[in-house]
Amino acid sequence: MNRTEAVVTLWRPVGPQELKLIEISGMREFPPRLPDQPIFYPVLSEAYAIQIARDWNVPASGAGFVTRFDVLKSFLDGYRVEHAGSKAHLEYWIPAEDLPAFNEAIVGRIEVTASFGKTAAAS
């Protein structure tokens, strides 16, 4: 990769099981989607990711985590930014079959920037 190639910083809220799989990858990729999850949706703001991790992941699985990562802009140019409710809720909708290519477009490591719920103190 050319070091001057543009990247976009994205966030993704995850639960403890997904975080464990990310850790197994060396913090380099997101795990494959489950059969009932046809879309992978990274979001464009940390505030939106925090809202989902805190308000959805914690009740659903006991803990929620916010991840931050950079993706090649040239890859994301093939996808539209979607509104998921309010104008502040912006995300990419990446089809599950495109996730391996998405993972290849991640530059650097996936970082955990916030944690909520019962495991927040351990993070």
PDB file of N, CA and C in Angstrom:
ATOM      1  N   MET A   1       0.835  -1.183   0.000  1.00  0.00           N
ATOM      2  CA  MET A   1       0.000   0.000   0.000  1.00  0.00           C
ATOM      3  C   MET A   1       0.872   1.237   0.000  1.00  0.00           C
ATOM      4  N   ASN A   2       0.493   2.205  -0.757  1.00  0.00           N
ATOM      5  CA  ASN A   2       1.144   3.498  -0.766  1.00  0.00           C
ATOM      6  C   ASN A   2       0.811   4.207   0.544  1.00  0.00           C
ATOM      7  N   ARG A   3       1.804   4.649   1.279  1.00  0.00           N
ATOM      8  CA  ARG A   3       1.569   5.273   2.587  1.00  0.00           C
ATOM      9  C   ARG A   3       0.750   6.553   2.480  1.00  0.00           C
ATOM     10  N   THR A   4       0.655   7.121   1.310  1.00  0.00           N
ATOM     11  CA  THR A   4      -0.134   8.341   1.158  1.00  0.00           C
ATOM     12  C   THR A   4      -1.572   8.047   0.754  1.00  0.00           C
ATOM     13  N   GLU A   5      -1.919   6.782   0.601  1.00  0.00           N
ATOM     14  CA  GLU A   5      -3.285   6.431   0.216  1.00  0.00           C
ATOM     15  C   GLU A   5      -4.248   6.827   1.334  1.00  0.00           C
ATOM     16  N   ALA A   6      -5.342   7.459   0.955  1.00  0.00           N
ATOM     17  CA  ALA A   6      -6.301   7.982   1.927  1.00  0.00           C
ATOM     18  C   ALA A   6      -7.030   6.863   2.656  1.00  0.00           C
ATOM     19  N   VAL A   7      -7.272   7.096   3.931  1.00  0.00           N
ATOM     20  CA  VAL A   7      -8.051   6.167   4.747  1.00  0.00           C
ATOM     21  C   VAL A   7      -9.212   6.924   5.379  1.00  0.00           C
ATOM     22  N   VAL A   8     -10.213   6.165   5.789  1.00  0.00           N
ATOM     23  CA  VAL A   8     -11.367   6.695   6.507  1.00  0.00           C
ATOM     24  C   VAL A   8     -11.406   5.984   7.855  1.00  0.00           C
ATOM     25  N   THR A   9     -11.546   6.747   8.924  1.00  0.00           N
ATOM     26  CA  THR A   9     -11.681   6.153  10.253  1.00  0.00           C
ATOM     27  C   THR A   9     -13.145   5.812  10.485  1.00  0.00           C
ATOM     28  N   LEU A  10     -13.375   4.569  10.888  1.00  0.00           N
ATOM     29  CA  LEU A  10     -14.723   4.083  11.178  1.00  0.00           C
ATOM     30  C   LEU A  10     -14.748   3.486  12.579  1.00  0.00           C
ATOM     31  N   TRP A  11     -15.953   3.261  13.072  1.00  0.00           N
ATOM     32  CA  TRP A  11     -16.163   2.641  14.376  1.00  0.00           C
ATOM     33  C   TRP A  11     -17.154   1.512  14.208  1.00  0.00           C
ATOM     34  N   ARG A  12     -17.086   0.559  15.119  1.00  0.00           N
ATOM     35  CA  ARG A  12     -18.072  -0.517  15.119  1.00  0.00           C
ATOM     36  C   ARG A  12     -18.339  -0.943  16.557  1.00  0.00           C
ATOM     37  N   PRO A  13     -19.608  -0.923  16.964  1.00  0.00           N
ATOM     38  CA  PRO A  13     -19.959  -1.460  18.270  1.00  0.00           C
ATOM     39  C   PRO A  13     -20.030  -2.978  18.187  1.00  0.00           C
ATOM     40  N   VAL A  14     -19.473  -3.652  19.191  1.00  0.00           N
ATOM     41  CA  VAL A  14     -19.479  -5.118  19.202  1.00  0.00           C
ATOM     42  C   VAL A  14     -19.788  -5.622  20.606  1.00  0.00           C
ATOM     43  N   GLY A  15     -20.283  -6.835  20.661  1.00  0.00           N
ATOM     44  CA  GLY A  15     -20.490  -7.516  21.934  1.00  0.00           C
ATOM     45  C   GLY A  15     -19.268  -8.337  22.288  1.00  0.00           C
ATOM     46  N   PRO A  16     -19.292  -9.003  23.445  1.00  0.00           N
ATOM     47  CA  PRO A  16     -18.117  -9.757  23.894  1.00  0.00           C
ATOM     48  C   PRO A  16     -17.716 -10.910  22.982  1.00  0.00           C
ATOM     49  N   GLN A  17     -18.668 -11.602  22.380  1.00  0.00           N
ATOM     50  CA  GLN A  17     -18.310 -12.729  21.507  1.00  0.00           C
ATOM     51  C   GLN A  17     -17.598 -12.243  20.251  1.00  0.00           C
ATOM     52  N   GLU A  18     -18.117 -11.172  19.641  1.00  0.00           N
ATOM     53  CA  GLU A  18     -17.459 -10.642  18.446  1.00  0.00           C
ATOM     54  C   GLU A  18     -16.081 -10.095  18.796  1.00  0.00           C
ATOM     55  N   LEU A  19     -15.957  -9.423  19.942  1.00  0.00           N
ATOM     56  CA  LEU A  19     -14.649  -8.907  20.344  1.00  0.00           C
ATOM     57  C   LEU A  19     -13.648 -10.045  20.519  1.00  0.00           C
ATOM     58  N   LYS A  20     -14.072 -11.137  21.092  1.00  0.00           N
ATOM     59  CA  LYS A  20     -13.176 -12.288  21.278  1.00  0.00           C
ATOM     60  C   LYS A  20     -12.645 -12.783  19.928  1.00  0.00           C
ATOM     61  N   LEU A  21     -13.511 -12.832  18.918  1.00  0.00           N
ATOM     62  CA  LEU A  21     -13.086 -13.271  17.581  1.00  0.00           C
ATOM     63  C   LEU A  21     -12.144 -12.257  16.932  1.00  0.00           C
ATOM     64  N   ILE A  22     -12.379 -10.978  17.173  1.00  0.00           N
ATOM     65  CA  ILE A  22     -11.468  -9.943  16.665  1.00  0.00           C
ATOM     66  C   ILE A  22     -10.093 -10.119  17.311  1.00  0.00           C
ATOM     67  N   GLU A  23     -10.085 -10.370  18.614  1.00  0.00           N
ATOM     68  CA  GLU A  23      -8.817 -10.584  19.325  1.00  0.00           C
ATOM     69  C   GLU A  23      -8.072 -11.799  18.775  1.00  0.00           C
ATOM     70  N   ILE A  24      -8.792 -12.869  18.467  1.00  0.00           N
ATOM     71  CA  ILE A  24      -8.168 -14.071  17.896  1.00  0.00           C
ATOM     72  C   ILE A  24      -7.475 -13.747  16.574  1.00  0.00           C
ATOM     73  N   SER A  25      -8.013 -12.786  15.830  1.00  0.00           N
ATOM     74  CA  SER A  25      -7.413 -12.392  14.546  1.00  0.00           C
ATOM     75  C   SER A  25      -6.183 -11.509  14.730  1.00  0.00           C
ATOM     76  N   GLY A  26      -5.818 -11.214  15.968  1.00  0.00           N
ATOM     77  CA  GLY A  26      -4.714 -10.289  16.198  1.00  0.00           C
ATOM     78  C   GLY A  26      -5.152  -8.844  16.053  1.00  0.00           C
ATOM     79  N   MET A  27      -6.438  -8.592  16.220  1.00  0.00           N
ATOM     80  CA  MET A  27      -7.033  -7.252  16.074  1.00  0.00           C
ATOM     81  C   MET A  27      -6.860  -6.736  14.640  1.00  0.00           C
ATOM     82  N   ARG A  28      -6.954  -7.660  13.681  1.00  0.00           N
ATOM     83  CA  ARG A  28      -6.753  -7.314  12.274  1.00  0.00           C
ATOM     84  C   ARG A  28      -8.004  -7.423  11.419  1.00  0.00           C
ATOM     85  N   GLU A  29      -9.022  -8.175  11.894  1.00  0.00           N
ATOM     86  CA  GLU A  29     -10.199  -8.348  11.038  1.00  0.00           C
ATOM     87  C   GLU A  29     -11.446  -8.650  11.858  1.00  0.00           C
ATOM     88  N   PHE A  30     -12.569  -8.416  11.222  1.00  0.00           N
ATOM     89  CA  PHE A  30     -13.863  -8.729  11.813  1.00  0.00           C
ATOM     90  C   PHE A  30     -14.273 -10.128  11.380  1.00  0.00           C
ATOM     91  N   PRO A  31     -14.956 -10.858  12.266  1.00  0.00           N
ATOM     92  CA  PRO A  31     -15.339 -12.236  11.941  1.00  0.00           C
ATOM     93  C   PRO A  31     -16.449 -12.285  10.900  1.00  0.00           C
ATOM     94  N   PRO A  32     -16.592 -13.429  10.230  1.00  0.00           N
ATOM     95  CA  PRO A  32     -17.682 -13.585   9.256  1.00  0.00           C
ATOM     96  C   PRO A  32     -19.033 -13.341   9.920  1.00  0.00           C
ATOM     97  N   ARG A  33     -19.964 -12.884   9.131  1.00  0.00           N
ATOM     98  CA  ARG A  33     -21.321 -12.642   9.617  1.00  0.00           C
ATOM     99  C   ARG A  33     -22.015 -13.977   9.847  1.00  0.00           C
ATOM    100  N   LEU A  34     -22.952 -13.973  10.769  1.00  0.00           N
ATOM    101  CA  LEU A  34     -23.789 -15.147  11.001  1.00  0.00           C
ATOM    102  C   LEU A  34     -24.842 -15.231   9.905  1.00  0.00           C
ATOM    103  N   PRO A  35     -25.450 -16.394   9.696  1.00  0.00           N
ATOM    104  CA  PRO A  35     -26.437 -16.537   8.614  1.00  0.00           C
ATOM    105  C   PRO A  35     -27.579 -15.514   8.667  1.00  0.00           C
ATOM    106  N   ASP A  36     -27.966 -15.091   9.869  1.00  0.00           N
ATOM    107  CA  ASP A  36     -29.055 -14.116   9.978  1.00  0.00           C
ATOM    108  C   ASP A  36     -28.550 -12.670   9.974  1.00  0.00           C
ATOM    109  N   GLN A  37     -27.286 -12.464   9.592  1.00  0.00           N
ATOM    110  CA  GLN A  37     -26.680 -11.133   9.548  1.00  0.00           C
ATOM    111  C   GLN A  37     -26.119 -10.867   8.147  1.00  0.00           C
ATOM    112  N   PRO A  38     -26.965 -10.481   7.211  1.00  0.00           N
ATOM    113  CA  PRO A  38     -26.503 -10.307   5.833  1.00  0.00           C
ATOM    114  C   PRO A  38     -25.682  -9.038   5.593  1.00  0.00           C
ATOM    115  N   ILE A  39     -25.671  -8.132   6.570  1.00  0.00           N
ATOM    116  CA  ILE A  39     -24.988  -6.852   6.396  1.00  0.00           C
ATOM    117  C   ILE A  39     -24.017  -6.620   7.547  1.00  0.00           C
ATOM    118  N   PHE A  40     -22.842  -6.114   7.219  1.00  0.00           N
ATOM    119  CA  PHE A  40     -21.866  -5.639   8.201  1.00  0.00           C
ATOM    120  C   PHE A  40     -21.951  -4.124   8.169  1.00  0.00           C
ATOM    121  N   TYR A  41     -22.157  -3.499   9.314  1.00  0.00           N
ATOM    122  CA  TYR A  41     -22.384  -2.064   9.300  1.00  0.00           C
ATOM    123  C   TYR A  41     -21.416  -1.297  10.201  1.00  0.00           C
ATOM    124  N   PRO A  42     -20.275  -0.880   9.688  1.00  0.00           N
ATOM    125  CA  PRO A  42     -19.424   0.044  10.426  1.00  0.00           C
ATOM    126  C   PRO A  42     -20.058   1.435  10.385  1.00  0.00           C
ATOM    127  N   VAL A  43     -19.845   2.209  11.447  1.00  0.00           N
ATOM    128  CA  VAL A  43     -20.491   3.518  11.540  1.00  0.00           C
ATOM    129  C   VAL A  43     -19.466   4.638  11.411  1.00  0.00           C
ATOM    130  N   LEU A  44     -19.969   5.834  11.108  1.00  0.00           N
ATOM    131  CA  LEU A  44     -19.094   6.957  10.805  1.00  0.00           C
ATOM    132  C   LEU A  44     -18.769   7.849  11.990  1.00  0.00           C
ATOM    133  N   SER A  45     -19.371   7.608  13.153  1.00  0.00           N
ATOM    134  CA  SER A  45     -19.041   8.442  14.308  1.00  0.00           C
ATOM    135  C   SER A  45     -18.898   7.603  15.566  1.00  0.00           C
ATOM    136  N   GLU A  46     -17.984   8.030  16.402  1.00  0.00           N
ATOM    137  CA  GLU A  46     -17.794   7.341  17.676  1.00  0.00           C
ATOM    138  C   GLU A  46     -19.032   7.479  18.554  1.00  0.00           C
ATOM    139  N   ALA A  47     -19.683   8.639  18.518  1.00  0.00           N
ATOM    140  CA  ALA A  47     -20.878   8.849  19.346  1.00  0.00           C
ATOM    141  C   ALA A  47     -21.970   7.837  19.006  1.00  0.00           C
ATOM    142  N   TYR A  48     -22.178   7.580  17.734  1.00  0.00           N
ATOM    143  CA  TYR A  48     -23.185   6.602  17.311  1.00  0.00           C
ATOM    144  C   TYR A  48     -22.777   5.196  17.760  1.00  0.00           C
ATOM    145  N   ALA A  49     -21.497   4.859  17.629  1.00  0.00           N
ATOM    146  CA  ALA A  49     -21.021   3.542  18.069  1.00  0.00           C
ATOM    147  C   ALA A  49     -21.188   3.381  19.579  1.00  0.00           C
ATOM    148  N   ILE A  50     -20.907   4.432  20.334  1.00  0.00           N
ATOM    149  CA  ILE A  50     -21.094   4.393  21.787  1.00  0.00           C
ATOM    150  C   ILE A  50     -22.553   4.149  22.124  1.00  0.00           C
ATOM    151  N   GLN A  51     -23.440   4.860  21.442  1.00  0.00           N
ATOM    152  CA  GLN A  51     -24.874   4.700  21.691  1.00  0.00           C
ATOM    153  C   GLN A  51     -25.305   3.248  21.483  1.00  0.00           C
ATOM    154  N   ILE A  52     -24.859   2.631  20.397  1.00  0.00           N
ATOM    155  CA  ILE A  52     -25.242   1.242  20.114  1.00  0.00           C
ATOM    156  C   ILE A  52     -24.617   0.290  21.139  1.00  0.00           C
ATOM    157  N   ALA A  53     -23.329   0.466  21.422  1.00  0.00           N
ATOM    158  CA  ALA A  53     -22.646  -0.426  22.373  1.00  0.00           C
ATOM    159  C   ALA A  53     -23.304  -0.362  23.746  1.00  0.00           C
ATOM    160  N   ARG A  54     -23.614   0.839  24.186  1.00  0.00           N
ATOM    161  CA  ARG A  54     -24.181   1.039  25.520  1.00  0.00           C
ATOM    162  C   ARG A  54     -25.652   0.637  25.589  1.00  0.00           C
ATOM    163  N   ASP A  55     -26.427   1.055  24.582  1.00  0.00           N
ATOM    164  CA  ASP A  55     -27.884   0.901  24.650  1.00  0.00           C
ATOM    165  C   ASP A  55     -28.403  -0.392  24.029  1.00  0.00           C
ATOM    166  N   TRP A  56     -27.609  -1.036  23.189  1.00  0.00           N
ATOM    167  CA  TRP A  56     -28.066  -2.270  22.547  1.00  0.00           C
ATOM    168  C   TRP A  56     -27.219  -3.472  22.958  1.00  0.00           C
ATOM    169  N   ASN A  57     -25.884  -3.355  22.821  1.00  0.00           N
ATOM    170  CA  ASN A  57     -25.031  -4.507  23.136  1.00  0.00           C
ATOM    171  C   ASN A  57     -25.084  -4.887  24.614  1.00  0.00           C
ATOM    172  N   VAL A  58     -25.093  -3.905  25.517  1.00  0.00           N
ATOM    173  CA  VAL A  58     -25.116  -4.235  26.946  1.00  0.00           C
ATOM    174  C   VAL A  58     -26.383  -5.003  27.313  1.00  0.00           C
ATOM    175  N   PRO A  59     -27.589  -4.516  26.959  1.00  0.00           N
ATOM    176  CA  PRO A  59     -28.780  -5.308  27.287  1.00  0.00           C
ATOM    177  C   PRO A  59     -28.805  -6.676  26.593  1.00  0.00           C
ATOM    178  N   ALA A  60     -28.274  -6.753  25.376  1.00  0.00           N
ATOM    179  CA  ALA A  60     -28.331  -8.004  24.609  1.00  0.00           C
ATOM    180  C   ALA A  60     -27.320  -9.043  25.095  1.00  0.00           C
ATOM    181  N   SER A  61     -26.126  -8.592  25.534  1.00  0.00           N
ATOM    182  CA  SER A  61     -25.076  -9.568  25.854  1.00  0.00           C
ATOM    183  C   SER A  61     -24.288  -9.250  27.123  1.00  0.00           C
ATOM    184  N   GLY A  62     -24.697  -8.249  27.864  1.00  0.00           N
ATOM    185  CA  GLY A  62     -24.038  -7.934  29.121  1.00  0.00           C
ATOM    186  C   GLY A  62     -22.881  -6.967  29.020  1.00  0.00           C
ATOM    187  N   ALA A  63     -22.350  -6.771  27.824  1.00  0.00           N
ATOM    188  CA  ALA A  63     -21.237  -5.844  27.630  1.00  0.00           C
ATOM    189  C   ALA A  63     -21.255  -5.336  26.194  1.00  0.00           C
ATOM    190  N   GLY A  64     -20.720  -4.145  26.016  1.00  0.00           N
ATOM    191  CA  GLY A  64     -20.594  -3.567  24.683  1.00  0.00           C
ATOM    192  C   GLY A  64     -19.260  -2.865  24.565  1.00  0.00           C
ATOM    193  N   PHE A  65     -18.677  -2.931  23.395  1.00  0.00           N
ATOM    194  CA  PHE A  65     -17.366  -2.348  23.151  1.00  0.00           C
ATOM    195  C   PHE A  65     -17.425  -1.522  21.874  1.00  0.00           C
ATOM    196  N   VAL A  66     -16.651  -0.442  21.848  1.00  0.00           N
ATOM    197  CA  VAL A  66     -16.535   0.377  20.647  1.00  0.00           C
ATOM    198  C   VAL A  66     -15.163   0.116  20.051  1.00  0.00           C
ATOM    199  N   THR A  67     -15.141  -0.232  18.774  1.00  0.00           N
ATOM    200  CA  THR A  67     -13.870  -0.418  18.077  1.00  0.00           C
ATOM    201  C   THR A  67     -13.683   0.712  17.074  1.00  0.00           C
ATOM    202  N   ARG A  68     -12.416   1.064  16.863  1.00  0.00           N
ATOM    203  CA  ARG A  68     -12.050   2.091  15.879  1.00  0.00           C
ATOM    204  C   ARG A  68     -10.994   1.493  14.962  1.00  0.00           C
ATOM    205  N   PHE A  69     -11.093   1.841  13.672  1.00  0.00           N
ATOM    206  CA  PHE A  69     -10.159   1.279  12.700  1.00  0.00           C
ATOM    207  C   PHE A  69     -10.179   2.146  11.451  1.00  0.00           C
ATOM    208  N   ASP A  70      -9.123   2.054  10.670  1.00  0.00           N
ATOM    209  CA  ASP A  70      -9.005   2.791   9.414  1.00  0.00           C
ATOM    210  C   ASP A  70      -9.197   1.837   8.246  1.00  0.00           C
ATOM    211  N   VAL A  71      -9.903   2.318   7.230  1.00  0.00           N
ATOM    212  CA  VAL A  71     -10.178   1.535   6.025  1.00  0.00           C
ATOM    213  C   VAL A  71      -9.777   2.373   4.816  1.00  0.00           C
ATOM    214  N   LEU A  72      -9.221   1.718   3.817  1.00  0.00           N
ATOM    215  CA  LEU A  72      -8.852   2.436   2.594  1.00  0.00           C
ATOM    216  C   LEU A  72     -10.071   3.125   1.990  1.00  0.00           C
ATOM    217  N   LYS A  73      -9.931   4.411   1.739  1.00  0.00           N
ATOM    218  CA  LYS A  73     -11.019   5.169   1.123  1.00  0.00           C
ATOM    219  C   LYS A  73     -11.366   4.597  -0.244  1.00  0.00           C
ATOM    220  N   SER A  74     -10.362   4.129  -0.960  1.00  0.00           N
ATOM    221  CA  SER A  74     -10.604   3.572  -2.295  1.00  0.00           C
ATOM    222  C   SER A  74     -11.550   2.378  -2.234  1.00  0.00           C
ATOM    223  N   PHE A  75     -11.515   1.598  -1.155  1.00  0.00           N
ATOM    224  CA  PHE A  75     -12.458   0.493  -0.990  1.00  0.00           C
ATOM    225  C   PHE A  75     -13.854   1.035  -0.676  1.00  0.00           C
ATOM    226  N   LEU A  76     -13.940   1.955   0.258  1.00  0.00           N
ATOM    227  CA  LEU A  76     -15.243   2.481   0.676  1.00  0.00           C
ATOM    228  C   LEU A  76     -15.939   3.273  -0.421  1.00  0.00           C
ATOM    229  N   ASP A  77     -15.182   3.768  -1.379  1.00  0.00           N
ATOM    230  CA  ASP A  77     -15.790   4.521  -2.481  1.00  0.00           C
ATOM    231  C   ASP A  77     -16.805   3.689  -3.258  1.00  0.00           C
ATOM    232  N   GLY A  78     -16.743   2.379  -3.124  1.00  0.00           N
ATOM    233  CA  GLY A  78     -17.692   1.504  -3.806  1.00  0.00           C
ATOM    234  C   GLY A  78     -19.011   1.330  -3.068  1.00  0.00           C
ATOM    235  N   TYR A  79     -19.172   2.000  -1.935  1.00  0.00           N
ATOM    236  CA  TYR A  79     -20.376   1.848  -1.106  1.00  0.00           C
ATOM    237  C   TYR A  79     -20.933   3.220  -0.748  1.00  0.00           C
ATOM    238  N   ARG A  80     -22.237   3.261  -0.539  1.00  0.00           N
ATOM    239  CA  ARG A  80     -22.884   4.512  -0.136  1.00  0.00           C
ATOM    240  C   ARG A  80     -22.939   4.604   1.381  1.00  0.00           C
ATOM    241  N   VAL A  81     -22.906   5.829   1.883  1.00  0.00           N
ATOM    242  CA  VAL A  81     -23.195   6.063   3.294  1.00  0.00           C
ATOM    243  C   VAL A  81     -24.708   6.038   3.444  1.00  0.00           C
ATOM    244  N   GLU A  82     -25.184   5.269   4.399  1.00  0.00           N
ATOM    245  CA  GLU A  82     -26.624   5.115   4.624  1.00  0.00           C
ATOM    246  C   GLU A  82     -27.032   5.816   5.915  1.00  0.00           C
ATOM    247  N   HIS A  83     -28.254   6.360   5.924  1.00  0.00           N
ATOM    248  CA  HIS A  83     -28.842   6.928   7.141  1.00  0.00           C
ATOM    249  C   HIS A  83     -29.640   5.828   7.827  1.00  0.00           C
ATOM    250  N   ALA A  84     -29.360   5.584   9.094  1.00  0.00           N
ATOM    251  CA  ALA A  84     -30.086   4.570   9.859  1.00  0.00           C
ATOM    252  C   ALA A  84     -30.893   5.287  10.941  1.00  0.00           C
ATOM    253  N   GLY A  85     -31.967   5.898  10.538  1.00  0.00           N
ATOM    254  CA  GLY A  85     -32.775   6.650  11.496  1.00  0.00           C
ATOM    255  C   GLY A  85     -32.497   8.129  11.372  1.00  0.00           C
ATOM    256  N   SER A  86     -31.792   8.690  12.352  1.00  0.00           N
ATOM    257  CA  SER A  86     -31.542  10.130  12.344  1.00  0.00           C
ATOM    258  C   SER A  86     -30.362  10.469  11.432  1.00  0.00           C
ATOM    259  N   LYS A  87     -30.203  11.759  11.168  1.00  0.00           N
ATOM    260  CA  LYS A  87     -29.096  12.205  10.324  1.00  0.00           C
ATOM    261  C   LYS A  87     -27.737  11.954  10.976  1.00  0.00           C
ATOM    262  N   ALA A  88     -27.724  11.790  12.297  1.00  0.00           N
ATOM    263  CA  ALA A  88     -26.473  11.512  13.010  1.00  0.00           C
ATOM    264  C   ALA A  88     -26.097  10.037  12.948  1.00  0.00           C
ATOM    265  N   HIS A  89     -27.025   9.209  12.503  1.00  0.00           N
ATOM    266  CA  HIS A  89     -26.787   7.762  12.456  1.00  0.00           C
ATOM    267  C   HIS A  89     -26.377   7.357  11.044  1.00  0.00           C
ATOM    268  N   LEU A  90     -25.099   7.504  10.770  1.00  0.00           N
ATOM    269  CA  LEU A  90     -24.555   7.213   9.444  1.00  0.00           C
ATOM    270  C   LEU A  90     -23.706   5.955   9.507  1.00  0.00           C
ATOM    271  N   GLU A  91     -23.874   5.108   8.511  1.00  0.00           N
ATOM    272  CA  GLU A  91     -23.135   3.849   8.482  1.00  0.00           C
ATOM    273  C   GLU A  91     -22.978   3.365   7.050  1.00  0.00           C
ATOM    274  N   TYR A  92     -21.996   2.512   6.858  1.00  0.00           N
ATOM    275  CA  TYR A  92     -21.861   1.798   5.589  1.00  0.00           C
ATOM    276  C   TYR A  92     -22.578   0.468   5.731  1.00  0.00           C
ATOM    277  N   TRP A  93     -23.207   0.020   4.668  1.00  0.00           N
ATOM    278  CA  TRP A  93     -23.830  -1.298   4.642  1.00  0.00           C
ATOM    279  C   TRP A  93     -22.986  -2.169   3.723  1.00  0.00           C
ATOM    280  N   ILE A  94     -22.165  -3.004   4.318  1.00  0.00           N
ATOM    281  CA  ILE A  94     -21.266  -3.882   3.569  1.00  0.00           C
ATOM    282  C   ILE A  94     -21.899  -5.271   3.525  1.00  0.00           C
ATOM    283  N   PRO A  95     -22.251  -5.782   2.343  1.00  0.00           N
ATOM    284  CA  PRO A  95     -22.824  -7.137   2.274  1.00  0.00           C
ATOM    285  C   PRO A  95     -21.865  -8.161   2.890  1.00  0.00           C
ATOM    286  N   ALA A  96     -22.431  -9.156   3.544  1.00  0.00           N
ATOM    287  CA  ALA A  96     -21.619 -10.168   4.229  1.00  0.00           C
ATOM    288  C   ALA A  96     -20.576 -10.783   3.302  1.00  0.00           C
ATOM    289  N   GLU A  97     -20.936 -10.989   2.044  1.00  0.00           N
ATOM    290  CA  GLU A  97     -19.983 -11.616   1.116  1.00  0.00           C
ATOM    291  C   GLU A  97     -18.800 -10.697   0.789  1.00  0.00           C
ATOM    292  N   ASP A  98     -18.918  -9.396   1.090  1.00  0.00           N
ATOM    293  CA  ASP A  98     -17.824  -8.451   0.850  1.00  0.00           C
ATOM    294  C   ASP A  98     -16.930  -8.266   2.075  1.00  0.00           C
ATOM    295  N   LEU A  99     -17.280  -8.887   3.197  1.00  0.00           N
ATOM    296  CA  LEU A  99     -16.508  -8.677   4.421  1.00  0.00           C
ATOM    297  C   LEU A  99     -15.042  -9.100   4.291  1.00  0.00           C
ATOM    298  N   PRO A 100     -14.707 -10.213   3.622  1.00  0.00           N
ATOM    299  CA  PRO A 100     -13.275 -10.526   3.468  1.00  0.00           C
ATOM    300  C   PRO A 100     -12.500  -9.402   2.763  1.00  0.00           C
ATOM    301  N   ALA A 101     -13.075  -8.811   1.731  1.00  0.00           N
ATOM    302  CA  ALA A 101     -12.414  -7.701   1.038  1.00  0.00           C
ATOM    303  C   ALA A 101     -12.338  -6.470   1.940  1.00  0.00           C
ATOM    304  N   PHE A 102     -13.393  -6.236   2.725  1.00  0.00           N
ATOM    305  CA  PHE A 102     -13.384  -5.135   3.691  1.00  0.00           C
ATOM    306  C   PHE A 102     -12.224  -5.330   4.670  1.00  0.00           C
ATOM    307  N   ASN A 103     -12.098  -6.539   5.205  1.00  0.00           N
ATOM    308  CA  ASN A 103     -11.006  -6.820   6.142  1.00  0.00           C
ATOM    309  C   ASN A 103      -9.644  -6.578   5.509  1.00  0.00           C
ATOM    310  N   GLU A 104      -9.498  -6.919   4.241  1.00  0.00           N
ATOM    311  CA  GLU A 104      -8.230  -6.673   3.534  1.00  0.00           C
ATOM    312  C   GLU A 104      -7.943  -5.178   3.410  1.00  0.00           C
ATOM    313  N   ALA A 105      -8.986  -4.357   3.411  1.00  0.00           N
ATOM    314  CA  ALA A 105      -8.835  -2.910   3.259  1.00  0.00           C
ATOM    315  C   ALA A 105      -8.585  -2.194   4.584  1.00  0.00           C
ATOM    316  N   ILE A 106      -8.624  -2.931   5.699  1.00  0.00           N
ATOM    317  CA  ILE A 106      -8.321  -2.316   6.995  1.00  0.00           C
ATOM    318  C   ILE A 106      -6.823  -2.030   7.055  1.00  0.00           C
ATOM    319  N   VAL A 107      -6.489  -0.819   7.455  1.00  0.00           N
ATOM    320  CA  VAL A 107      -5.096  -0.392   7.569  1.00  0.00           C
ATOM    321  C   VAL A 107      -4.741  -0.363   9.058  1.00  0.00           C
ATOM    322  N   GLY A 108      -3.771  -1.166   9.446  1.00  0.00           N
ATOM    323  CA  GLY A 108      -3.383  -1.201  10.856  1.00  0.00           C
ATOM    324  C   GLY A 108      -4.285  -2.127  11.650  1.00  0.00           C
ATOM    325  N   ARG A 109      -4.355  -1.864  12.940  1.00  0.00           N
ATOM    326  CA  ARG A 109      -5.108  -2.723  13.850  1.00  0.00           C
ATOM    327  C   ARG A 109      -6.443  -2.108  14.242  1.00  0.00           C
ATOM    328  N   ILE A 110      -7.333  -2.961  14.649  1.00  0.00           N
ATOM    329  CA  ILE A 110      -8.614  -2.556  15.217  1.00  0.00           C
ATOM    330  C   ILE A 110      -8.358  -2.262  16.692  1.00  0.00           C
ATOM    331  N   GLU A 111      -8.803  -1.113  17.168  1.00  0.00           N
ATOM    332  CA  GLU A 111      -8.593  -0.718  18.559  1.00  0.00           C
ATOM    333  C   GLU A 111      -9.919  -0.669  19.300  1.00  0.00           C
ATOM    334  N   VAL A 112      -9.911  -1.028  20.565  1.00  0.00           N
ATOM    335  CA  VAL A 112     -11.079  -0.844  21.426  1.00  0.00           C
ATOM    336  C   VAL A 112     -10.927   0.518  22.092  1.00  0.00           C
ATOM    337  N   THR A 113     -11.920   1.392  21.903  1.00  0.00           N
ATOM    338  CA  THR A 113     -11.837   2.749  22.446  1.00  0.00           C
ATOM    339  C   THR A 113     -12.758   2.979  23.633  1.00  0.00           C
ATOM    340  N   ALA A 114     -13.745   2.115  23.837  1.00  0.00           N
ATOM    341  CA  ALA A 114     -14.662   2.271  24.969  1.00  0.00           C
ATOM    342  C   ALA A 114     -15.296   0.927  25.273  1.00  0.00           C
ATOM    343  N   SER A 115     -15.682   0.752  26.530  1.00  0.00           N
ATOM    344  CA  SER A 115     -16.371  -0.474  26.923  1.00  0.00           C
ATOM    345  C   SER A 115     -17.449  -0.132  27.942  1.00  0.00           C
ATOM    346  N   PHE A 116     -18.515  -0.905  27.910  1.00  0.00           N
ATOM    347  CA  PHE A 116     -19.675  -0.673  28.761  1.00  0.00           C
ATOM    348  C   PHE A 116     -20.179  -2.004  29.289  1.00  0.00           C
ATOM    349  N   GLY A 117     -20.787  -1.976  30.452  1.00  0.00           N
ATOM    350  CA  GLY A 117     -21.399  -3.179  30.992  1.00  0.00           C
ATOM    351  C   GLY A 117     -20.518  -3.898  31.982  1.00  0.00           C
ATOM    352  N   LYS A 118     -20.838  -5.164  32.206  1.00  0.00           N
ATOM    353  CA  LYS A 118     -20.208  -5.909  33.297  1.00  0.00           C
ATOM    354  C   LYS A 118     -18.722  -6.153  33.121  1.00  0.00           C
ATOM    355  N   THR A 119     -18.201  -6.115  31.898  1.00  0.00           N
ATOM    356  CA  THR A 119     -16.761  -6.335  31.707  1.00  0.00           C
ATOM    357  C   THR A 119     -16.007  -5.031  31.489  1.00  0.00           C
ATOM    358  N   ALA A 120     -16.687  -3.886  31.586  1.00  0.00           N
ATOM    359  CA  ALA A 120     -16.036  -2.600  31.321  1.00  0.00           C
ATOM    360  C   ALA A 120     -14.852  -2.366  32.260  1.00  0.00           C
ATOM    361  N   ALA A 121     -14.968  -2.763  33.519  1.00  0.00           N
ATOM    362  CA  ALA A 121     -13.889  -2.536  34.475  1.00  0.00           C
ATOM    363  C   ALA A 121     -12.660  -3.381  34.159  1.00  0.00           C
ATOM    364  N   ALA A 122     -12.860  -4.512  33.501  1.00  0.00           N
ATOM    365  CA  ALA A 122     -11.747  -5.408  33.183  1.00  0.00           C
ATOM    366  C   ALA A 122     -10.997  -4.980  31.933  1.00  0.00           C
ATOM    367  N   SER A 123     -11.565  -4.074  31.156  1.00  0.00           N
ATOM    368  CA  SER A 123     -10.939  -3.680  29.886  1.00  0.00           C
ATOM    369  C   SER A 123      -9.857  -2.648  30.077  1.00  0.00           C
TER     370      SER A 123
END
